[in-house]
Amino acid sequence: MKPNNSSQHLYFKLGKLFVTGFIIITASLFFLYPQIFYCELIRLSDFRSDSGKIYFSQDVKPVHYKKIKSIIHRSEARVDSFFNGKKSNPTIIVCSNPQEYQKYCSSTEGAGCSLGTPWGHSFVILNTQGMNVDVISHEMSHTELLARLGWWTIATEIPQWFNEGIALMLDRRFVNNPDNIGRYFDYMDEWLYYTGGGQQILELRDMASIKGFFNASQKQVMLAYMSAGLEVSYWLILSEEDGLQRLIGEMKNGKSFQEAYALAEAKKRAYWFKKLPTNPLRFQDSKKISE
């Protein structure tokens, strides 16, 4: 009897430690990332949903549901076209005021944001004030890249300038040009404006982290966006139509981002270098090619 009681006592202690550890970890995560918990528990909130996919604030009148759903469907179609098929299926939370938006997004800025979790769930949080196809497409681009590469790869491998640059290719608020080359020229114009004619350059390496990209003045953040748009629009020309799919495939096969990014453009890089104005963010690379 004694060995049996001893084993039971050990199991009880281990179980108690496990439960205690789980509670501590959960409480810590809630303290650090409360928005994720609020999003995960959206089904238990007073938000309304008729499908379990789109949740509307109580203050959004049902008469507006159809219009909002139409905007969301148009955004999904844009993502589907750009990625050659849509794989992500984020839960969409439509807020009606800044307080709700801050609760689920942990920010008061912008009309949309996206969240992803290590366990594979993703959310797009929208503010009805300012929400449109461009905003939603931008955020859905983030969740699409997350669905294809996974949370860990996005967190540890993908530089923020690439994540935001890809999102800008679906977001036409800043540059609205369907032609790849024309889009690169337009981003060059925007970049020249925000850098004062190329005098205040923000290097890609300085925009690799979320903090490096966003933790600055509004003008610097806009410069980060335009720099990301400039580099990614240039890369999409070099890598041509299937460049993004090849990069994703290479990374799934174990290549680092840097390796996959270079491989995607390697075939046509020299060809396009002779035909396009030099990308100022790659001045050192351009100098090496010319030599």
C-alpha atoms as a PDB file:
ATOM      1  CA  MET A   1       0.000   0.000   0.000  1.00  0.00           C
ATOM      2  CA  LYS A   2       2.771   2.438   0.805  1.00  0.00           C
ATOM      3  CA  PRO A   3       4.364   2.415  -2.691  1.00  0.00           C
ATOM      4  CA  ASN A   4       0.933   2.960  -4.203  1.00  0.00           C
ATOM      5  CA  ASN A   5       0.180   5.895  -1.924  1.00  0.00           C
ATOM      6  CA  SER A   6       3.606   7.307  -2.620  1.00  0.00           C
ATOM      7  CA  SER A   7       3.007   7.137  -6.388  1.00  0.00           C
ATOM      8  CA  GLN A   8      -0.373   8.810  -6.031  1.00  0.00           C
ATOM      9  CA  HIS A   9       1.191  11.550  -3.951  1.00  0.00           C
ATOM     10  CA  LEU A  10       3.882  12.091  -6.623  1.00  0.00           C
ATOM     11  CA  TYR A  11       1.291  12.263  -9.407  1.00  0.00           C
ATOM     12  CA  PHE A  12      -0.748  14.705  -7.347  1.00  0.00           C
ATOM     13  CA  LYS A  13       2.282  16.951  -6.833  1.00  0.00           C
ATOM     14  CA  LEU A  14       3.208  16.825 -10.535  1.00  0.00           C
ATOM     15  CA  GLY A  15      -0.367  17.581 -11.513  1.00  0.00           C
ATOM     16  CA  LYS A  16      -0.478  20.506  -9.117  1.00  0.00           C
ATOM     17  CA  LEU A  17       2.789  21.867 -10.513  1.00  0.00           C
ATOM     18  CA  PHE A  18       1.487  21.513 -14.063  1.00  0.00           C
ATOM     19  CA  VAL A  19      -1.768  23.321 -13.290  1.00  0.00           C
ATOM     20  CA  THR A  20       0.089  26.050 -11.393  1.00  0.00           C
ATOM     21  CA  GLY A  21       2.577  26.488 -14.259  1.00  0.00           C
ATOM     22  CA  PHE A  22      -0.226  26.608 -16.804  1.00  0.00           C
ATOM     23  CA  ILE A  23      -2.058  29.297 -14.825  1.00  0.00           C
ATOM     24  CA  ILE A  24       1.121  31.370 -14.453  1.00  0.00           C
ATOM     25  CA  ILE A  25       1.984  31.122 -18.146  1.00  0.00           C
ATOM     26  CA  THR A  26      -1.592  31.918 -19.179  1.00  0.00           C
ATOM     27  CA  ALA A  27      -1.744  34.918 -16.835  1.00  0.00           C
ATOM     28  CA  SER A  28       1.628  36.159 -18.128  1.00  0.00           C
ATOM     29  CA  LEU A  29       0.527  35.860 -21.744  1.00  0.00           C
ATOM     30  CA  PHE A  30      -2.723  37.663 -20.962  1.00  0.00           C
ATOM     31  CA  PHE A  31      -0.768  40.453 -19.302  1.00  0.00           C
ATOM     32  CA  LEU A  32       1.610  40.768 -22.284  1.00  0.00           C
ATOM     33  CA  TYR A  33      -0.835  40.063 -25.129  1.00  0.00           C
ATOM     34  CA  PRO A  34      -4.412  40.617 -23.903  1.00  0.00           C
ATOM     35  CA  GLN A  35      -5.631  41.305 -27.447  1.00  0.00           C
ATOM     36  CA  ILE A  36      -4.947  37.695 -28.464  1.00  0.00           C
ATOM     37  CA  PHE A  37      -7.118  36.389 -25.634  1.00  0.00           C
ATOM     38  CA  TYR A  38      -9.908  38.811 -26.476  1.00  0.00           C
ATOM     39  CA  CYS A  39      -9.776  37.687 -30.113  1.00  0.00           C
ATOM     40  CA  GLU A  40      -9.776  34.000 -29.153  1.00  0.00           C
ATOM     41  CA  LEU A  41     -12.808  34.579 -26.942  1.00  0.00           C
ATOM     42  CA  ILE A  42     -14.733  36.646 -29.496  1.00  0.00           C
ATOM     43  CA  ARG A  43     -17.356  33.861 -29.698  1.00  0.00           C
ATOM     44  CA  LEU A  44     -18.193  34.484 -26.048  1.00  0.00           C
ATOM     45  CA  SER A  45     -18.531  38.249 -26.491  1.00  0.00           C
ATOM     46  CA  ASP A  46     -21.586  40.275 -27.472  1.00  0.00           C
ATOM     47  CA  PHE A  47     -20.342  40.562 -31.076  1.00  0.00           C
ATOM     48  CA  ARG A  48     -22.769  39.053 -33.588  1.00  0.00           C
ATOM     49  CA  SER A  49     -21.972  36.487 -36.264  1.00  0.00           C
ATOM     50  CA  ASP A  50     -24.098  34.402 -38.603  1.00  0.00           C
ATOM     51  CA  SER A  51     -21.270  32.235 -39.884  1.00  0.00           C
ATOM     52  CA  GLY A  52     -18.573  32.096 -37.193  1.00  0.00           C
ATOM     53  CA  LYS A  53     -16.181  33.877 -39.542  1.00  0.00           C
ATOM     54  CA  ILE A  54     -17.142  37.573 -39.401  1.00  0.00           C
ATOM     55  CA  TYR A  55     -18.065  39.102 -36.053  1.00  0.00           C
ATOM     56  CA  PHE A  56     -19.862  42.447 -35.934  1.00  0.00           C
ATOM     57  CA  SER A  57     -19.993  44.838 -33.028  1.00  0.00           C
ATOM     58  CA  GLN A  58     -23.458  45.273 -31.569  1.00  0.00           C
ATOM     59  CA  ASP A  59     -23.270  48.920 -32.612  1.00  0.00           C
ATOM     60  CA  VAL A  60     -22.912  47.980 -36.294  1.00  0.00           C
ATOM     61  CA  LYS A  61     -26.440  47.863 -37.649  1.00  0.00           C
ATOM     62  CA  PRO A  62     -27.428  44.675 -39.515  1.00  0.00           C
ATOM     63  CA  VAL A  63     -28.450  46.788 -42.503  1.00  0.00           C
ATOM     64  CA  HIS A  64     -24.718  47.449 -43.064  1.00  0.00           C
ATOM     65  CA  TYR A  65     -23.651  43.796 -42.917  1.00  0.00           C
ATOM     66  CA  LYS A  66     -24.135  43.158 -46.631  1.00  0.00           C
ATOM     67  CA  LYS A  67     -21.973  46.119 -47.669  1.00  0.00           C
ATOM     68  CA  ILE A  68     -19.183  45.188 -45.258  1.00  0.00           C
ATOM     69  CA  LYS A  69     -19.252  41.563 -46.392  1.00  0.00           C
ATOM     70  CA  SER A  70     -19.004  42.722 -50.007  1.00  0.00           C
ATOM     71  CA  ILE A  71     -15.877  44.754 -49.198  1.00  0.00           C
ATOM     72  CA  ILE A  72     -14.367  41.752 -47.422  1.00  0.00           C
ATOM     73  CA  HIS A  73     -15.114  39.437 -50.383  1.00  0.00           C
ATOM     74  CA  ARG A  74     -13.464  41.881 -52.792  1.00  0.00           C
ATOM     75  CA  SER A  75     -10.393  41.942 -50.560  1.00  0.00           C
ATOM     76  CA  GLU A  76     -10.295  38.142 -50.471  1.00  0.00           C
ATOM     77  CA  ALA A  77     -10.449  38.075 -54.268  1.00  0.00           C
ATOM     78  CA  ARG A  78      -7.473  40.434 -54.451  1.00  0.00           C
ATOM     79  CA  VAL A  79      -5.472  38.186 -52.099  1.00  0.00           C
ATOM     80  CA  ASP A  80      -6.486  35.106 -54.073  1.00  0.00           C
ATOM     81  CA  SER A  81      -5.291  36.683 -57.327  1.00  0.00           C
ATOM     82  CA  PHE A  82      -1.960  37.912 -55.974  1.00  0.00           C
ATOM     83  CA  PHE A  83      -1.031  34.680 -54.183  1.00  0.00           C
ATOM     84  CA  ASN A  84      -2.419  32.407 -56.900  1.00  0.00           C
ATOM     85  CA  GLY A  85      -4.914  30.963 -54.466  1.00  0.00           C
ATOM     86  CA  LYS A  86      -6.004  31.917 -50.960  1.00  0.00           C
ATOM     87  CA  LYS A  87      -5.121  29.548 -48.107  1.00  0.00           C
ATOM     88  CA  SER A  88      -5.734  31.666 -45.025  1.00  0.00           C
ATOM     89  CA  ASN A  89      -9.079  31.844 -43.272  1.00  0.00           C
ATOM     90  CA  PRO A  90      -8.778  34.521 -40.577  1.00  0.00           C
ATOM     91  CA  THR A  91     -11.532  35.366 -38.148  1.00  0.00           C
ATOM     92  CA  ILE A  92     -12.660  38.908 -38.950  1.00  0.00           C
ATOM     93  CA  ILE A  93     -13.701  41.236 -36.134  1.00  0.00           C
ATOM     94  CA  VAL A  94     -15.533  44.414 -37.144  1.00  0.00           C
ATOM     95  CA  CYS A  95     -15.407  47.122 -34.453  1.00  0.00           C
ATOM     96  CA  SER A  96     -17.564  50.211 -34.335  1.00  0.00           C
ATOM     97  CA  ASN A  97     -15.494  52.591 -32.208  1.00  0.00           C
ATOM     98  CA  PRO A  98     -11.881  53.265 -31.136  1.00  0.00           C
ATOM     99  CA  GLN A  99     -12.379  51.605 -27.740  1.00  0.00           C
ATOM    100  CA  GLU A 100     -13.411  48.276 -29.257  1.00  0.00           C
ATOM    101  CA  TYR A 101     -10.674  48.499 -31.849  1.00  0.00           C
ATOM    102  CA  GLN A 102      -8.020  49.096 -29.177  1.00  0.00           C
ATOM    103  CA  LYS A 103      -9.302  46.138 -27.146  1.00  0.00           C
ATOM    104  CA  TYR A 104      -8.886  43.655 -29.991  1.00  0.00           C
ATOM    105  CA  CYS A 105      -5.996  45.279 -31.847  1.00  0.00           C
ATOM    106  CA  SER A 106      -4.037  46.809 -28.957  1.00  0.00           C
ATOM    107  CA  SER A 107      -3.719  50.013 -30.975  1.00  0.00           C
ATOM    108  CA  THR A 108      -5.732  53.137 -31.641  1.00  0.00           C
ATOM    109  CA  GLU A 109      -4.079  53.822 -34.997  1.00  0.00           C
ATOM    110  CA  GLY A 110      -5.238  52.820 -38.447  1.00  0.00           C
ATOM    111  CA  ALA A 111      -8.403  51.180 -39.719  1.00  0.00           C
ATOM    112  CA  GLY A 112      -7.163  47.599 -39.579  1.00  0.00           C
ATOM    113  CA  CYS A 113      -4.619  45.249 -38.054  1.00  0.00           C
ATOM    114  CA  SER A 114      -3.891  41.526 -38.061  1.00  0.00           C
ATOM    115  CA  LEU A 115      -2.822  39.051 -35.396  1.00  0.00           C
ATOM    116  CA  GLY A 116      -1.450  35.528 -35.640  1.00  0.00           C
ATOM    117  CA  THR A 117      -0.820  32.900 -32.973  1.00  0.00           C
ATOM    118  CA  PRO A 118       1.762  30.122 -32.656  1.00  0.00           C
ATOM    119  CA  TRP A 119      -1.114  27.598 -32.635  1.00  0.00           C
ATOM    120  CA  GLY A 120      -2.245  28.645 -36.108  1.00  0.00           C
ATOM    121  CA  HIS A 121      -5.162  31.011 -35.539  1.00  0.00           C
ATOM    122  CA  SER A 122      -5.270  34.380 -37.269  1.00  0.00           C
ATOM    123  CA  PHE A 123      -7.477  37.449 -36.909  1.00  0.00           C
ATOM    124  CA  VAL A 124      -8.147  40.588 -38.921  1.00  0.00           C
ATOM    125  CA  ILE A 125      -9.506  43.430 -36.791  1.00  0.00           C
ATOM    126  CA  LEU A 126     -11.262  46.253 -38.594  1.00  0.00           C
ATOM    127  CA  ASN A 127     -12.509  49.674 -37.596  1.00  0.00           C
ATOM    128  CA  THR A 128     -15.591  50.739 -39.556  1.00  0.00           C
ATOM    129  CA  GLN A 129     -14.134  54.246 -39.602  1.00  0.00           C
ATOM    130  CA  GLY A 130     -11.777  54.157 -42.587  1.00  0.00           C
ATOM    131  CA  MET A 131     -12.250  50.518 -43.521  1.00  0.00           C
ATOM    132  CA  ASN A 132     -12.005  49.739 -47.253  1.00  0.00           C
ATOM    133  CA  VAL A 133     -10.745  47.113 -49.726  1.00  0.00           C
ATOM    134  CA  ASP A 134      -7.162  48.386 -49.510  1.00  0.00           C
ATOM    135  CA  VAL A 135      -7.029  48.220 -45.709  1.00  0.00           C
ATOM    136  CA  ILE A 136      -8.501  44.719 -45.570  1.00  0.00           C
ATOM    137  CA  SER A 137      -6.346  43.424 -48.436  1.00  0.00           C
ATOM    138  CA  HIS A 138      -3.252  44.744 -46.651  1.00  0.00           C
ATOM    139  CA  GLU A 139      -4.093  42.910 -43.431  1.00  0.00           C
ATOM    140  CA  MET A 140      -5.167  39.735 -45.234  1.00  0.00           C
ATOM    141  CA  SER A 141      -1.816  39.696 -46.988  1.00  0.00           C
ATOM    142  CA  HIS A 142      -0.195  39.313 -43.566  1.00  0.00           C
ATOM    143  CA  THR A 143      -2.476  36.437 -42.585  1.00  0.00           C
ATOM    144  CA  GLU A 144      -1.927  34.772 -45.968  1.00  0.00           C
ATOM    145  CA  LEU A 145       1.852  34.855 -45.599  1.00  0.00           C
ATOM    146  CA  LEU A 146       1.374  33.534 -42.064  1.00  0.00           C
ATOM    147  CA  ALA A 147      -0.752  30.633 -43.319  1.00  0.00           C
ATOM    148  CA  ARG A 148       1.831  29.681 -45.940  1.00  0.00           C
ATOM    149  CA  LEU A 149       5.013  29.962 -43.861  1.00  0.00           C
ATOM    150  CA  GLY A 150       3.855  29.535 -40.270  1.00  0.00           C
ATOM    151  CA  TRP A 151       4.133  31.713 -37.199  1.00  0.00           C
ATOM    152  CA  TRP A 152       7.662  30.698 -36.239  1.00  0.00           C
ATOM    153  CA  THR A 153       9.110  31.401 -39.697  1.00  0.00           C
ATOM    154  CA  ILE A 154       7.362  34.767 -39.874  1.00  0.00           C
ATOM    155  CA  ALA A 155       8.631  35.675 -36.395  1.00  0.00           C
ATOM    156  CA  THR A 156      12.227  34.564 -36.881  1.00  0.00           C
ATOM    157  CA  GLU A 157      12.992  34.667 -40.613  1.00  0.00           C
ATOM    158  CA  ILE A 158      10.828  37.152 -42.473  1.00  0.00           C
ATOM    159  CA  PRO A 159      12.035  40.778 -42.199  1.00  0.00           C
ATOM    160  CA  GLN A 160       9.283  43.253 -41.499  1.00  0.00           C
ATOM    161  CA  TRP A 161      10.087  45.287 -44.613  1.00  0.00           C
ATOM    162  CA  PHE A 162       9.258  42.233 -46.753  1.00  0.00           C
ATOM    163  CA  ASN A 163       6.054  41.477 -44.860  1.00  0.00           C
ATOM    164  CA  GLU A 164       4.892  45.082 -45.228  1.00  0.00           C
ATOM    165  CA  GLY A 165       6.207  45.381 -48.782  1.00  0.00           C
ATOM    166  CA  ILE A 166       4.168  42.388 -49.950  1.00  0.00           C
ATOM    167  CA  ALA A 167       1.100  43.827 -48.206  1.00  0.00           C
ATOM    168  CA  LEU A 168       1.613  47.111 -50.080  1.00  0.00           C
ATOM    169  CA  MET A 169       1.387  45.262 -53.383  1.00  0.00           C
ATOM    170  CA  LEU A 170      -2.276  44.582 -52.527  1.00  0.00           C
ATOM    171  CA  ASP A 171      -2.837  47.964 -50.891  1.00  0.00           C
ATOM    172  CA  ARG A 172      -3.389  50.721 -53.454  1.00  0.00           C
ATOM    173  CA  ARG A 173      -3.688  53.676 -51.098  1.00  0.00           C
ATOM    174  CA  PHE A 174      -0.171  54.918 -51.823  1.00  0.00           C
ATOM    175  CA  VAL A 175       0.576  53.612 -55.323  1.00  0.00           C
ATOM    176  CA  ASN A 176      -2.216  52.496 -57.620  1.00  0.00           C
ATOM    177  CA  ASN A 177      -0.527  51.081 -60.698  1.00  0.00           C
ATOM    178  CA  PRO A 178      -1.360  47.558 -61.933  1.00  0.00           C
ATOM    179  CA  ASP A 179       1.783  47.428 -64.092  1.00  0.00           C
ATOM    180  CA  ASN A 180       4.806  45.969 -62.266  1.00  0.00           C
ATOM    181  CA  ILE A 181       7.341  48.332 -63.814  1.00  0.00           C
ATOM    182  CA  GLY A 182       5.059  51.340 -63.481  1.00  0.00           C
ATOM    183  CA  ARG A 183       4.499  50.496 -59.829  1.00  0.00           C
ATOM    184  CA  TYR A 184       8.265  50.449 -59.227  1.00  0.00           C
ATOM    185  CA  PHE A 185       8.613  53.897 -60.843  1.00  0.00           C
ATOM    186  CA  ASP A 186       5.748  55.237 -58.722  1.00  0.00           C
ATOM    187  CA  TYR A 187       7.305  53.913 -55.523  1.00  0.00           C
ATOM    188  CA  MET A 188      10.592  55.467 -56.598  1.00  0.00           C
ATOM    189  CA  ASP A 189       8.832  58.847 -56.823  1.00  0.00           C
ATOM    190  CA  GLU A 190       7.308  58.385 -53.358  1.00  0.00           C
ATOM    191  CA  TRP A 191      10.637  57.256 -51.941  1.00  0.00           C
ATOM    192  CA  LEU A 192      12.424  60.283 -53.400  1.00  0.00           C
ATOM    193  CA  TYR A 193       9.828  62.565 -51.833  1.00  0.00           C
ATOM    194  CA  TYR A 194      10.139  61.062 -48.331  1.00  0.00           C
ATOM    195  CA  THR A 195      13.941  60.928 -48.466  1.00  0.00           C
ATOM    196  CA  GLY A 196      14.311  64.501 -49.703  1.00  0.00           C
ATOM    197  CA  GLY A 197      15.716  63.370 -53.031  1.00  0.00           C
ATOM    198  CA  GLY A 198      17.612  60.439 -51.562  1.00  0.00           C
ATOM    199  CA  GLN A 199      19.310  62.402 -48.778  1.00  0.00           C
ATOM    200  CA  GLN A 200      17.772  60.546 -45.815  1.00  0.00           C
ATOM    201  CA  ILE A 201      17.865  56.864 -46.708  1.00  0.00           C
ATOM    202  CA  LEU A 202      16.491  54.207 -44.380  1.00  0.00           C
ATOM    203  CA  GLU A 203      18.408  50.970 -44.922  1.00  0.00           C
ATOM    204  CA  LEU A 204      16.567  47.657 -45.227  1.00  0.00           C
ATOM    205  CA  ARG A 205      18.514  46.178 -42.322  1.00  0.00           C
ATOM    206  CA  ASP A 206      17.144  48.923 -40.085  1.00  0.00           C
ATOM    207  CA  MET A 207      13.567  47.913 -40.968  1.00  0.00           C
ATOM    208  CA  ALA A 208      13.975  44.178 -40.437  1.00  0.00           C
ATOM    209  CA  SER A 209      12.266  44.083 -37.030  1.00  0.00           C
ATOM    210  CA  ILE A 210       8.795  45.283 -36.099  1.00  0.00           C
ATOM    211  CA  LYS A 211      10.353  47.768 -33.691  1.00  0.00           C
ATOM    212  CA  GLY A 212      12.737  49.081 -36.335  1.00  0.00           C
ATOM    213  CA  PHE A 213       9.920  49.507 -38.821  1.00  0.00           C
ATOM    214  CA  PHE A 214       7.283  51.154 -36.611  1.00  0.00           C
ATOM    215  CA  ASN A 215       9.032  52.644 -33.577  1.00  0.00           C
ATOM    216  CA  ALA A 216       9.627  56.091 -35.039  1.00  0.00           C
ATOM    217  CA  SER A 217       7.877  59.293 -36.063  1.00  0.00           C
ATOM    218  CA  GLN A 218       4.984  59.169 -38.515  1.00  0.00           C
ATOM    219  CA  LYS A 219       7.217  60.507 -41.281  1.00  0.00           C
ATOM    220  CA  GLN A 220       9.830  57.816 -40.624  1.00  0.00           C
ATOM    221  CA  VAL A 221       7.175  55.106 -40.637  1.00  0.00           C
ATOM    222  CA  MET A 222       5.937  56.400 -43.991  1.00  0.00           C
ATOM    223  CA  LEU A 223       9.509  56.325 -45.254  1.00  0.00           C
ATOM    224  CA  ALA A 224       9.746  52.709 -44.047  1.00  0.00           C
ATOM    225  CA  TYR A 225       6.591  51.837 -45.982  1.00  0.00           C
ATOM    226  CA  MET A 226       7.793  53.540 -49.155  1.00  0.00           C
ATOM    227  CA  SER A 227      11.206  51.886 -48.859  1.00  0.00           C
ATOM    228  CA  ALA A 228       9.541  48.495 -48.427  1.00  0.00           C
ATOM    229  CA  GLY A 229       7.310  49.159 -51.418  1.00  0.00           C
ATOM    230  CA  LEU A 230      10.288  50.246 -53.503  1.00  0.00           C
ATOM    231  CA  GLU A 231      12.356  47.138 -52.720  1.00  0.00           C
ATOM    232  CA  VAL A 232       9.538  44.592 -53.037  1.00  0.00           C
ATOM    233  CA  SER A 233       8.161  46.082 -56.268  1.00  0.00           C
ATOM    234  CA  TYR A 234      11.703  45.920 -57.690  1.00  0.00           C
ATOM    235  CA  TRP A 235      12.141  42.330 -56.510  1.00  0.00           C
ATOM    236  CA  LEU A 236       8.832  41.259 -58.045  1.00  0.00           C
ATOM    237  CA  ILE A 237      10.040  42.505 -61.429  1.00  0.00           C
ATOM    238  CA  LEU A 238      13.310  40.606 -61.112  1.00  0.00           C
ATOM    239  CA  SER A 239      11.690  37.418 -59.822  1.00  0.00           C
ATOM    240  CA  GLU A 240       8.830  37.681 -62.342  1.00  0.00           C
ATOM    241  CA  GLU A 241       5.364  36.114 -61.994  1.00  0.00           C
ATOM    242  CA  ASP A 242       6.126  33.097 -59.827  1.00  0.00           C
ATOM    243  CA  GLY A 243       8.802  34.691 -57.656  1.00  0.00           C
ATOM    244  CA  LEU A 244       6.748  34.810 -54.474  1.00  0.00           C
ATOM    245  CA  GLN A 245       5.614  31.200 -54.858  1.00  0.00           C
ATOM    246  CA  ARG A 246       9.213  30.097 -55.453  1.00  0.00           C
ATOM    247  CA  LEU A 247      10.420  31.976 -52.375  1.00  0.00           C
ATOM    248  CA  ILE A 248       7.753  30.325 -50.232  1.00  0.00           C
ATOM    249  CA  GLY A 249       8.601  26.925 -51.694  1.00  0.00           C
ATOM    250  CA  GLU A 250      12.333  27.359 -51.095  1.00  0.00           C
ATOM    251  CA  MET A 251      11.767  28.395 -47.495  1.00  0.00           C
ATOM    252  CA  LYS A 252       9.528  25.395 -46.899  1.00  0.00           C
ATOM    253  CA  ASN A 253      12.384  23.262 -48.213  1.00  0.00           C
ATOM    254  CA  GLY A 254      14.748  24.660 -45.604  1.00  0.00           C
ATOM    255  CA  LYS A 255      16.319  27.694 -47.290  1.00  0.00           C
ATOM    256  CA  SER A 256      16.766  30.863 -45.269  1.00  0.00           C
ATOM    257  CA  PHE A 257      14.907  34.001 -46.321  1.00  0.00           C
ATOM    258  CA  GLN A 258      18.077  35.560 -47.691  1.00  0.00           C
ATOM    259  CA  GLU A 259      18.837  32.472 -49.787  1.00  0.00           C
ATOM    260  CA  ALA A 260      15.284  32.113 -51.090  1.00  0.00           C
ATOM    261  CA  TYR A 261      15.000  35.841 -51.833  1.00  0.00           C
ATOM    262  CA  ALA A 262      18.219  35.813 -53.878  1.00  0.00           C
ATOM    263  CA  LEU A 263      17.371  32.572 -55.688  1.00  0.00           C
ATOM    264  CA  ALA A 264      13.975  33.888 -56.773  1.00  0.00           C
ATOM    265  CA  GLU A 265      15.543  36.799 -58.650  1.00  0.00           C
ATOM    266  CA  ALA A 266      18.837  35.210 -59.734  1.00  0.00           C
ATOM    267  CA  LYS A 267      17.773  34.114 -63.225  1.00  0.00           C
ATOM    268  CA  LYS A 268      16.652  37.518 -64.514  1.00  0.00           C
ATOM    269  CA  ARG A 269      18.580  39.856 -62.220  1.00  0.00           C
ATOM    270  CA  ALA A 270      21.284  40.827 -64.703  1.00  0.00           C
ATOM    271  CA  TYR A 271      18.726  41.231 -67.495  1.00  0.00           C
ATOM    272  CA  TRP A 272      16.498  43.628 -65.580  1.00  0.00           C
ATOM    273  CA  PHE A 273      19.441  45.512 -64.090  1.00  0.00           C
ATOM    274  CA  LYS A 274      20.235  46.845 -67.563  1.00  0.00           C
ATOM    275  CA  LYS A 275      16.653  47.942 -68.209  1.00  0.00           C
ATOM    276  CA  LEU A 276      15.570  49.533 -64.933  1.00  0.00           C
ATOM    277  CA  PRO A 277      16.782  52.564 -63.012  1.00  0.00           C
ATOM    278  CA  THR A 278      19.063  51.499 -60.169  1.00  0.00           C
ATOM    279  CA  ASN A 279      17.296  50.636 -56.955  1.00  0.00           C
ATOM    280  CA  PRO A 280      18.974  53.043 -54.471  1.00  0.00           C
ATOM    281  CA  LEU A 281      18.425  50.596 -51.621  1.00  0.00           C
ATOM    282  CA  ARG A 282      20.759  48.212 -53.452  1.00  0.00           C
ATOM    283  CA  PHE A 283      23.480  50.670 -54.384  1.00  0.00           C
ATOM    284  CA  GLN A 284      26.311  48.425 -53.222  1.00  0.00           C
ATOM    285  CA  ASP A 285      24.906  45.453 -55.188  1.00  0.00           C
ATOM    286  CA  SER A 286      24.476  47.637 -58.262  1.00  0.00           C
ATOM    287  CA  LYS A 287      28.049  48.826 -57.985  1.00  0.00           C
ATOM    288  CA  LYS A 288      29.292  45.232 -57.861  1.00  0.00           C
ATOM    289  CA  ILE A 289      27.266  44.271 -60.948  1.00  0.00           C
ATOM    290  CA  SER A 290      28.601  47.198 -62.949  1.00  0.00           C
ATOM    291  CA  GLU A 291      32.125  46.220 -62.018  1.00  0.00           C
END
